[in-house]
């Protein structure tokens, strides 16, 4: 499927983004288009390109029912959005290292010797990495993917809302995910806005930047 961008101006995409909580419930997103949105989303960077993000697209009535008691004060997004995209971090993401680097070599994106050097250096590091360190990596990389997702959604003509207020300890099992392996990072609701959303004030660079 070719990209179905409705907006290509980055200034419009970035500055026009709003956190939308109420969506048009009649607007759905096809699986084909959602897959393309995710394929664009994962152009985001990640730690040593391990791409630990995993997406569960909750779009069915049954799926949203499972989410309903877990999203706290975000029920309107759950009820009206085309989907709630739950972003998890795979704490065993290094299992995919051979595929990621091997495919990069096959596609002439990486020299074979670089692949071997990377795997040799990273294998012991990931073996020794604590669960907390893996969670921290998952949060950083998952947040990068979430921001990319929100901008990509705007390009496709949809709106989003990042959600951090949910029952973090319960959501993996509710969605049939292994809670020991998949750490919940964020939920992003997506759909067609049923409201304009509010612009918001941002502190200027002079207030938040130090120069050395």
Protein backbone atom coordinates (compact mmCIF):
# COMPACT_ATOMS: atom_id res chain seq x y z
CA UNK A 1 0.00 0.00 0.00
CA UNK A 2 1.26 3.47 -0.86
CA UNK A 3 1.30 6.19 1.76
CA UNK A 4 -2.04 7.98 1.94
CA UNK A 5 -0.74 11.23 3.38
CA UNK A 6 -3.29 14.01 3.55
CA UNK A 7 -0.79 16.55 4.86
CA UNK A 8 2.86 16.88 3.85
CA UNK A 9 3.74 20.22 5.42
CA UNK A 10 5.76 19.48 8.55
CA UNK A 11 5.11 22.90 10.06
CA UNK A 12 1.37 22.28 9.79
CA UNK A 13 1.72 18.75 11.17
CA UNK A 14 3.82 19.78 14.16
CA UNK A 15 2.16 23.05 15.11
CA UNK A 16 -1.36 21.81 14.41
CA UNK A 17 -1.10 18.75 16.65
CA UNK A 18 -3.54 18.76 19.56
CA UNK A 19 -4.29 16.25 22.29
CA UNK A 20 -7.74 15.10 21.23
CA UNK A 21 -9.93 13.27 23.72
CA UNK A 22 -13.24 13.09 21.83
CA UNK A 23 -13.37 11.43 18.41
CA UNK A 24 -15.96 10.76 15.74
CA UNK A 25 -16.95 7.17 16.63
CA UNK A 26 -18.14 6.48 13.08
CA UNK A 27 -14.63 6.89 11.63
CA UNK A 28 -12.63 3.67 11.49
CA UNK A 29 -9.10 3.02 10.26
CA UNK A 30 -8.57 0.00 8.05
CA UNK A 31 -6.00 -2.58 9.08
CA UNK A 32 -4.07 -1.87 5.89
CA UNK A 33 -3.81 1.84 6.65
CA UNK A 34 -3.03 1.21 10.32
CA UNK A 35 -0.17 -1.07 9.33
CA UNK A 36 1.21 1.65 7.07
CA UNK A 37 0.95 4.17 9.92
CA UNK A 38 2.91 1.79 12.15
CA UNK A 39 5.46 1.10 9.40
CA UNK A 40 6.05 4.86 9.21
CA UNK A 41 6.07 5.17 13.00
CA UNK A 42 8.95 2.74 13.41
CA UNK A 43 11.28 4.94 11.41
CA UNK A 44 11.95 6.40 14.87
CA UNK A 45 15.43 5.77 16.31
CA UNK A 46 16.04 3.20 19.04
CA UNK A 47 18.92 2.04 21.23
CA UNK A 48 21.41 0.18 18.97
CA UNK A 49 18.45 -0.23 16.59
CA UNK A 50 16.87 -3.01 18.67
CA UNK A 51 13.40 -1.55 18.07
CA UNK A 52 11.91 -2.82 21.35
CA UNK A 53 8.51 -1.27 20.70
CA UNK A 54 5.53 -3.59 20.30
CA UNK A 55 2.07 -2.33 19.37
CA UNK A 56 -1.31 -3.71 20.35
CA UNK A 57 -4.04 -2.00 18.33
CA UNK A 58 -7.23 -2.19 20.38
CA UNK A 59 -10.09 -1.49 17.98
CA UNK A 60 -12.76 -4.12 18.61
CA UNK A 61 -15.64 -3.72 21.05
CA UNK A 62 -14.28 -6.67 23.03
CA UNK A 63 -10.79 -5.17 23.19
CA UNK A 64 -12.09 -1.80 24.32
CA UNK A 65 -14.21 -3.49 26.97
CA UNK A 66 -11.05 -5.10 28.32
CA UNK A 67 -9.33 -1.71 28.40
CA UNK A 68 -12.25 0.22 29.90
CA UNK A 69 -11.58 -0.51 33.60
CA UNK A 70 -7.85 0.14 33.14
CA UNK A 71 -7.75 3.59 31.50
CA UNK A 72 -8.87 5.58 34.54
CA UNK A 73 -10.05 9.06 33.49
CA UNK A 74 -9.43 8.40 29.77
CA UNK A 75 -12.69 6.60 29.07
CA UNK A 76 -13.92 9.03 26.39
CA UNK A 77 -10.87 8.31 24.25
CA UNK A 78 -11.45 4.58 24.68
CA UNK A 79 -15.12 4.84 23.78
CA UNK A 80 -14.85 7.16 20.76
CA UNK A 81 -11.43 6.60 19.13
CA UNK A 82 -10.89 4.43 16.08
CA UNK A 83 -8.32 2.57 18.17
CA UNK A 84 -6.27 2.68 21.32
CA UNK A 85 -2.67 1.80 20.43
CA UNK A 86 -0.91 0.33 23.44
CA UNK A 87 2.86 0.60 23.15
CA UNK A 88 4.87 -2.02 25.00
CA UNK A 89 8.60 -2.42 25.35
CA UNK A 90 9.92 -5.91 24.67
CA UNK A 91 12.45 -6.61 27.42
CA UNK A 92 13.87 -9.44 25.31
CA UNK A 93 14.24 -7.35 22.18
CA UNK A 94 17.84 -8.50 21.63
CA UNK A 95 16.43 -11.83 20.45
CA UNK A 96 15.79 -10.02 17.16
CA UNK A 97 19.35 -8.73 16.79
CA UNK A 98 20.37 -11.36 14.24
CA UNK A 99 17.32 -10.64 12.07
CA UNK A 100 17.73 -6.86 12.33
CA UNK A 101 21.45 -6.76 11.58
CA UNK A 102 21.37 -9.75 9.21
CA UNK A 103 18.66 -8.17 7.08
CA UNK A 104 20.58 -4.89 7.09
CA UNK A 105 23.57 -6.76 5.64
CA UNK A 106 21.39 -8.48 3.01
CA UNK A 107 20.00 -5.09 1.95
CA UNK A 108 23.48 -3.54 1.80
CA UNK A 109 22.67 -1.19 4.66
CA UNK A 110 25.47 -2.52 6.86
CA UNK A 111 28.82 -4.17 6.09
CA UNK A 112 29.04 -7.77 7.38
CA UNK A 113 32.04 -6.94 9.56
CA UNK A 114 30.07 -4.20 11.32
CA UNK A 115 27.27 -6.66 12.05
CA UNK A 116 29.69 -9.15 13.58
CA UNK A 117 31.42 -6.47 15.60
CA UNK A 118 28.11 -5.14 16.91
CA UNK A 119 26.79 -8.55 17.89
CA UNK A 120 30.03 -9.49 19.59
CA UNK A 121 30.05 -6.30 21.63
CA UNK A 122 26.34 -6.13 22.44
CA UNK A 123 25.55 -9.76 23.28
CA UNK A 124 27.28 -9.75 26.69
CA UNK A 125 25.88 -6.31 27.50
CA UNK A 126 22.29 -7.40 26.96
CA UNK A 127 22.87 -10.65 28.84
CA UNK A 128 24.05 -8.72 31.90
CA UNK A 129 21.55 -5.86 31.67
CA UNK A 130 19.18 -5.62 34.63
CA UNK A 131 15.42 -5.65 34.18
CA UNK A 132 15.25 -2.05 35.37
CA UNK A 133 17.78 -0.97 32.76
CA UNK A 134 15.80 -2.79 30.08
CA UNK A 135 12.62 -1.03 31.22
CA UNK A 136 14.37 2.33 31.08
CA UNK A 137 15.50 1.61 27.52
CA UNK A 138 11.98 0.51 26.61
CA UNK A 139 10.51 3.73 27.99
CA UNK A 140 12.95 5.94 26.09
CA UNK A 141 12.55 4.08 22.80
CA UNK A 142 8.80 3.63 23.23
CA UNK A 143 8.38 7.37 23.84
CA UNK A 144 10.30 8.13 20.64
CA UNK A 145 7.96 5.82 18.76
CA UNK A 146 4.91 7.38 20.40
CA UNK A 147 5.91 10.89 19.32
CA UNK A 148 6.57 9.66 15.81
CA UNK A 149 3.17 7.95 15.81
CA UNK A 150 1.39 11.16 16.74
CA UNK A 151 3.09 13.11 13.95
CA UNK A 152 2.55 10.33 11.41
CA UNK A 153 -1.13 10.17 12.35
CA UNK A 154 -1.46 13.88 11.57
CA UNK A 155 0.06 13.29 8.14
CA UNK A 156 -2.62 10.67 7.50
CA UNK A 157 -5.36 13.06 8.59
CA UNK A 158 -5.97 11.62 12.07
CA UNK A 159 -5.59 12.97 15.57
CA UNK A 160 -4.19 11.47 18.74
CA UNK A 161 -3.84 11.71 22.49
CA UNK A 162 -0.90 10.31 24.48
CA UNK A 163 -2.11 8.54 27.62
CA UNK A 164 0.05 7.68 30.60
CA UNK A 165 -2.76 7.32 33.14
CA UNK A 166 -3.68 3.65 33.12
CA UNK A 167 -3.32 0.53 35.27
CA UNK A 168 0.22 -0.30 34.26
CA UNK A 169 0.43 -3.54 36.23
CA UNK A 170 -2.73 -5.02 34.72
CA UNK A 171 -2.75 -4.02 31.09
CA UNK A 172 -0.42 -6.67 29.64
CA UNK A 173 -2.47 -9.58 30.99
CA UNK A 174 -5.72 -7.89 29.95
CA UNK A 175 -4.41 -7.88 26.37
CA UNK A 176 -3.00 -11.43 26.55
CA UNK A 177 0.61 -10.26 26.68
CA UNK A 178 3.36 -11.79 28.81
CA UNK A 179 3.67 -9.22 31.62
CA UNK A 180 7.18 -10.39 32.47
CA UNK A 181 8.41 -9.68 28.96
CA UNK A 182 6.31 -6.76 27.71
CA UNK A 183 6.47 -3.54 29.69
CA UNK A 184 3.68 -1.00 29.03
CA UNK A 185 5.02 2.41 28.02
CA UNK A 186 2.08 4.45 26.78
CA UNK A 187 -1.31 4.35 25.12
CA UNK A 188 -2.01 6.56 22.11
CA UNK A 189 -5.62 7.02 21.09
CA UNK A 190 -6.15 7.68 17.39
CA UNK A 191 -9.11 8.71 15.27
CA UNK A 192 -10.84 11.64 13.62
CA UNK A 193 -11.29 14.56 15.99
CA UNK A 194 -14.81 15.39 17.12
CA UNK A 195 -13.52 18.59 18.71
CA UNK A 196 -10.90 21.17 17.82
CA UNK A 197 -8.71 20.62 20.84
CA UNK A 198 -6.98 23.39 22.73
CA UNK A 199 -3.72 25.06 21.78
CA UNK A 200 -1.37 25.30 24.73
CA UNK A 201 1.44 27.53 25.94
CA UNK A 202 5.04 26.33 25.75
CA UNK A 203 7.86 27.82 27.77
CA UNK A 204 10.36 29.56 25.47
CA UNK A 205 13.88 28.31 24.91
CA UNK A 206 15.24 31.17 27.01
CA UNK A 207 13.41 29.75 30.07
CA UNK A 208 14.46 26.13 29.69
CA UNK A 209 17.90 26.15 28.08
CA UNK A 210 21.36 26.46 29.61
CA UNK A 211 24.41 27.35 27.53
CA UNK A 212 27.94 26.31 28.52
